């Protein structure tokens, strides 16, 4: 962002190779609207800026803004939608353990942010802008509510996929808590960023420190995920259950003995 590319760290990467002129124009307009809105929100506060003012600043109509963003809140937090899609794709890959899939997404997001920081004339000032962006969300009830609603959507999508991988039902407690645990890694990354974005550390140092915090948390989660696919059998029992074998395989667990 100028809006520091705070919320959407991949925003200055080129579009896909097959992107046509129409798609490119739409992507750039979406980027302009979100950048402009975030800059105005940071300067004046979220509630003090009307969508009509964002539209006027970009030279478009209110209707155009809402064609791209269904709500005022999504002007700021639209990257959450991209994360949901990445999570769906990553978790659905049976060749990648769930924790590793989440870590790959988080690392891409973090790398985008630290790369953006490294490209700024004053990385320390840019880090401060990212912190102010986080402060804006925390200080705005409607943004917190929107973020919470999106996290619920994250959890629902993750629960469905994790349940399918483990041959369970989505309303079983194990995939529900597993999904919540995975999504907790996003909070760990956000909190770690806030801690380390103090204006004194270089972007590569920030990346290293935040990654270390997230992976520490991930190791704990991974231990739990590898244990939940099947209840522990009674001592000396021999289990021959295809469903349990399937669940164990889905989670990269040894089949119960």
Protein backbone atom coordinates (compact mmCIF):
# COMPACT_ATOMS: atom_id res chain seq x y z
CA UNK A 1 0.00 0.00 0.00
CA UNK A 2 0.95 3.49 -0.17
CA UNK A 3 -1.36 2.29 1.66
CA UNK A 4 1.65 0.34 2.49
CA UNK A 5 0.85 -2.81 0.67
CA UNK A 6 0.01 -3.86 4.13
CA UNK A 7 -3.05 -5.88 3.77
CA UNK A 8 -2.38 -7.33 0.37
CA UNK A 9 1.33 -7.99 0.23
CA UNK A 10 1.34 -9.52 -3.22
CA UNK A 11 -0.28 -6.59 -4.84
CA UNK A 12 2.67 -5.36 -6.87
CA UNK A 13 3.40 -8.74 -8.40
CA UNK A 14 2.51 -9.05 -12.09
CA UNK A 15 -0.75 -10.62 -13.11
CA UNK A 16 -0.96 -14.16 -14.43
CA UNK A 17 0.68 -14.80 -17.85
CA UNK A 18 -2.69 -15.39 -19.56
CA UNK A 19 -4.17 -12.17 -18.20
CA UNK A 20 -5.90 -10.19 -20.92
CA UNK A 21 -6.28 -6.43 -21.20
CA UNK A 22 -9.75 -6.47 -19.65
CA UNK A 23 -8.61 -8.57 -16.67
CA UNK A 24 -5.58 -6.35 -16.18
CA UNK A 25 -7.69 -3.19 -16.15
CA UNK A 26 -10.03 -4.73 -13.59
CA UNK A 27 -7.14 -5.84 -11.40
CA UNK A 28 -5.51 -2.40 -11.51
CA UNK A 29 -8.79 -0.65 -10.75
CA UNK A 30 -9.39 -2.95 -7.79
CA UNK A 31 -5.88 -2.20 -6.57
CA UNK A 32 -6.34 1.55 -6.99
CA UNK A 33 -9.61 1.56 -5.09
CA UNK A 34 -8.22 -0.44 -2.19
CA UNK A 35 -4.97 1.53 -2.00
CA UNK A 36 -6.79 4.85 -2.09
CA UNK A 37 -9.35 3.79 0.50
CA UNK A 38 -6.73 2.47 2.90
CA UNK A 39 -4.65 5.64 2.62
CA UNK A 40 -7.72 7.76 3.38
CA UNK A 41 -8.77 5.51 6.26
CA UNK A 42 -5.29 5.70 7.78
CA UNK A 43 -5.24 9.48 7.49
CA UNK A 44 -8.75 10.23 8.78
CA UNK A 45 -10.13 7.07 10.36
CA UNK A 46 -12.38 4.40 8.89
CA UNK A 47 -15.69 5.86 10.04
CA UNK A 48 -14.80 9.39 8.91
CA UNK A 49 -14.42 8.44 5.24
CA UNK A 50 -17.44 7.73 3.04
CA UNK A 51 -17.33 5.32 0.11
CA UNK A 52 -18.44 8.23 -2.09
CA UNK A 53 -15.22 10.04 -1.19
CA UNK A 54 -13.13 7.04 -2.17
CA UNK A 55 -15.01 6.87 -5.48
CA UNK A 56 -14.47 10.57 -6.13
CA UNK A 57 -10.75 10.31 -5.35
CA UNK A 58 -10.46 7.51 -7.93
CA UNK A 59 -12.62 9.25 -10.53
CA UNK A 60 -15.36 6.61 -10.53
CA UNK A 61 -18.92 6.23 -9.27
CA UNK A 62 -20.08 4.72 -6.01
CA UNK A 63 -21.58 1.88 -8.05
CA UNK A 64 -18.17 1.07 -9.51
CA UNK A 65 -16.67 0.77 -6.04
CA UNK A 66 -19.41 -1.63 -4.94
CA UNK A 67 -19.00 -3.65 -8.14
CA UNK A 68 -15.51 -4.49 -6.89
CA UNK A 69 -16.10 -4.47 -3.14
CA UNK A 70 -19.47 -5.49 -1.69
CA UNK A 71 -18.88 -3.65 1.59
CA UNK A 72 -16.83 -0.75 2.85
CA UNK A 73 -14.92 -3.14 5.11
CA UNK A 74 -13.86 -5.32 2.19
CA UNK A 75 -12.07 -2.31 0.68
CA UNK A 76 -9.51 -2.82 3.44
CA UNK A 77 -9.64 -6.53 4.16
CA UNK A 78 -10.23 -8.01 0.71
CA UNK A 79 -7.01 -10.01 0.84
CA UNK A 80 -8.76 -12.32 3.30
CA UNK A 81 -10.76 -13.69 0.37
CA UNK A 82 -7.53 -14.61 -1.42
CA UNK A 83 -6.27 -16.35 1.70
CA UNK A 84 -9.46 -18.42 1.92
CA UNK A 85 -8.99 -19.63 -1.65
CA UNK A 86 -5.31 -20.41 -1.04
CA UNK A 87 -6.26 -22.34 2.07
CA UNK A 88 -8.86 -24.37 0.21
CA UNK A 89 -6.37 -25.27 -2.51
CA UNK A 90 -3.51 -26.04 -0.13
CA UNK A 91 -5.47 -28.16 2.33
CA UNK A 92 -7.14 -30.12 -0.45
CA UNK A 93 -3.78 -31.42 -1.72
CA UNK A 94 -3.41 -34.89 -0.15
CA UNK A 95 0.33 -34.81 -0.75
CA UNK A 96 0.89 -31.88 1.62
CA UNK A 97 0.30 -32.23 5.38
CA UNK A 98 -2.20 -29.60 6.61
CA UNK A 99 0.28 -27.74 8.79
CA UNK A 100 2.78 -27.51 5.95
CA UNK A 101 0.07 -26.21 3.60
CA UNK A 102 -0.75 -23.44 6.08
CA UNK A 103 2.93 -22.61 6.55
CA UNK A 104 3.43 -22.27 2.80
CA UNK A 105 0.59 -19.76 2.54
CA UNK A 106 1.81 -17.80 5.55
CA UNK A 107 5.35 -17.69 4.21
CA UNK A 108 4.18 -16.32 0.87
CA UNK A 109 2.22 -13.60 2.64
CA UNK A 110 5.14 -12.74 4.89
CA UNK A 111 7.63 -12.74 2.01
CA UNK A 112 5.40 -10.37 0.06
CA UNK A 113 5.30 -7.95 2.96
CA UNK A 114 9.01 -8.03 3.76
CA UNK A 115 9.91 -7.72 0.07
CA UNK A 116 7.71 -4.64 -0.11
CA UNK A 117 9.39 -3.24 3.00
CA UNK A 118 12.84 -3.80 1.53
CA UNK A 119 11.88 -1.83 -1.56
CA UNK A 120 10.84 1.30 0.38
CA UNK A 121 13.08 4.35 0.70
CA UNK A 122 12.55 4.28 4.47
CA UNK A 123 11.74 0.73 5.65
CA UNK A 124 11.39 1.95 9.23
CA UNK A 125 8.71 4.45 8.28
CA UNK A 126 7.01 1.80 6.13
CA UNK A 127 7.00 -0.61 9.08
CA UNK A 128 5.26 2.07 11.12
CA UNK A 129 2.58 2.35 8.44
CA UNK A 130 1.95 -1.39 8.67
CA UNK A 131 1.58 -1.10 12.43
CA UNK A 132 -0.89 1.77 12.00
CA UNK A 133 -2.88 -0.40 9.62
CA UNK A 134 -3.16 -3.06 12.31
CA UNK A 135 -4.13 -0.39 14.83
CA UNK A 136 -6.85 0.81 12.45
CA UNK A 137 -8.42 -2.65 12.36
CA UNK A 138 -8.21 -3.12 16.13
CA UNK A 139 -9.74 0.31 16.77
CA UNK A 140 -12.67 -0.12 14.36
CA UNK A 141 -15.52 -2.37 15.55
CA UNK A 142 -16.93 -2.93 12.05
CA UNK A 143 -13.53 -4.00 10.72
CA UNK A 144 -13.03 -6.36 13.66
CA UNK A 145 -16.48 -7.84 13.05
CA UNK A 146 -15.79 -8.28 9.34
CA UNK A 147 -12.45 -9.91 10.09
CA UNK A 148 -14.10 -12.25 12.61
CA UNK A 149 -16.76 -13.21 10.06
CA UNK A 150 -14.09 -13.99 7.48
CA UNK A 151 -12.22 -16.11 10.00
CA UNK A 152 -15.42 -18.06 10.60
CA UNK A 153 -15.56 -18.68 6.85
CA UNK A 154 -11.92 -19.79 6.98
CA UNK A 155 -12.75 -22.21 9.77
CA UNK A 156 -15.78 -23.63 7.98
CA UNK A 157 -13.86 -24.22 4.75
CA UNK A 158 -10.90 -25.74 6.58
CA UNK A 159 -13.13 -27.98 8.68
CA UNK A 160 -14.87 -29.40 5.61
CA UNK A 161 -11.58 -30.20 3.88
CA UNK A 162 -9.85 -31.60 6.94
CA UNK A 163 -12.85 -33.79 7.73
CA UNK A 164 -12.81 -35.18 4.19
CA UNK A 165 -9.08 -35.89 4.42
CA UNK A 166 -9.54 -37.81 7.65
CA UNK A 167 -12.70 -39.65 6.50
CA UNK A 168 -14.71 -37.89 9.21
CA UNK A 169 -17.81 -35.73 9.32
CA UNK A 170 -17.46 -31.96 9.40
CA UNK A 171 -19.45 -31.83 12.63
CA UNK A 172 -17.00 -34.14 14.40
CA UNK A 173 -14.99 -32.31 17.05
CA UNK A 174 -11.57 -33.33 15.73
CA UNK A 175 -11.65 -31.55 12.35
CA UNK A 176 -13.34 -28.56 13.97
CA UNK A 177 -10.57 -28.03 16.53
CA UNK A 178 -7.91 -28.90 13.97
CA UNK A 179 -9.18 -26.15 11.67
CA UNK A 180 -9.25 -23.60 14.50
CA UNK A 181 -5.72 -24.57 15.50
CA UNK A 182 -4.44 -24.11 11.95
CA UNK A 183 -6.08 -20.71 11.65
CA UNK A 184 -4.45 -19.71 14.92
CA UNK A 185 -1.18 -19.59 13.00
CA UNK A 186 -2.43 -16.45 11.24
CA UNK A 187 -2.91 -14.77 14.60
CA UNK A 188 0.56 -15.87 15.69
CA UNK A 189 2.03 -14.34 12.54
CA UNK A 190 0.11 -11.09 12.98
CA UNK A 191 1.15 -10.77 16.63
CA UNK A 192 4.76 -11.59 15.81
CA UNK A 193 4.81 -8.99 13.05
CA UNK A 194 3.50 -6.35 15.41
CA UNK A 195 6.20 -7.26 17.91
CA UNK A 196 9.07 -7.16 15.43
CA UNK A 197 7.95 -4.26 13.22
CA UNK A 198 9.52 -1.73 15.57
CA UNK A 199 11.41 0.25 12.95
CA UNK A 200 14.84 -1.01 14.04
CA UNK A 201 15.02 -4.34 12.21
CA UNK A 202 15.82 -4.97 8.58
CA UNK A 203 13.16 -6.73 6.48
CA UNK A 204 15.20 -9.95 6.30
CA UNK A 205 15.51 -9.97 10.09
CA UNK A 206 11.77 -9.46 10.44
CA UNK A 207 11.14 -12.36 8.08
CA UNK A 208 13.47 -14.64 10.04
CA UNK A 209 12.06 -13.73 13.45
CA UNK A 210 8.42 -14.00 12.44
CA UNK A 211 9.00 -17.27 10.62
CA UNK A 212 10.67 -18.68 13.73
CA UNK A 213 7.68 -17.72 15.91
CA UNK A 214 5.17 -19.22 13.48
CA UNK A 215 7.09 -22.47 13.10
CA UNK A 216 7.39 -22.85 16.86
CA UNK A 217 3.62 -22.67 17.10
CA UNK A 218 3.23 -24.97 14.10
CA UNK A 219 5.33 -27.70 15.69
CA UNK A 220 2.93 -27.82 18.61
CA UNK A 221 -0.10 -27.94 16.33
CA UNK A 222 1.46 -30.60 14.13
CA UNK A 223 1.89 -32.86 17.13
CA UNK A 224 -1.82 -32.60 17.89
CA UNK A 225 -2.95 -33.11 14.31
CA UNK A 226 -0.91 -36.26 13.98
CA UNK A 227 -2.57 -37.63 17.10
CA UNK A 228 -6.23 -36.90 16.46
CA UNK A 229 -7.16 -39.11 13.49
CA UNK A 230 -8.08 -42.10 15.63
CA UNK A 231 -8.68 -42.72 19.33
CA UNK A 232 -6.00 -44.67 21.13
CA UNK A 233 -6.87 -48.40 21.13
CA UNK A 234 -7.11 -50.36 24.35
CA UNK A 235 -3.85 -51.92 25.50
CA UNK A 236 -3.10 -55.03 23.48
CA UNK A 237 -5.98 -54.52 21.09
CA UNK A 238 -5.53 -55.21 17.37
CA UNK A 239 -7.56 -52.94 15.13
CA UNK A 240 -8.46 -53.87 11.57
CA UNK A 241 -10.63 -50.99 10.43
CA UNK A 242 -10.34 -49.64 6.86
CA UNK A 243 -11.89 -46.32 7.87
CA UNK A 244 -9.29 -45.76 10.56
CA UNK A 245 -6.52 -46.80 8.17
CA UNK A 246 -7.85 -44.30 5.64
CA UNK A 247 -7.99 -41.52 8.22
CA UNK A 248 -4.47 -42.28 9.37
CA UNK A 249 -3.19 -42.19 5.81
CA UNK A 250 -4.90 -38.86 5.13
CA UNK A 251 -3.09 -37.28 8.05
CA UNK A 252 0.24 -38.93 7.28
CA UNK A 253 -0.08 -40.98 10.45
CA UNK A 254 0.97 -44.56 10.96
CA UNK A 255 -2.00 -46.86 10.81
CA UNK A 256 -3.16 -48.03 14.25
CA UNK A 257 -1.53 -51.23 15.40
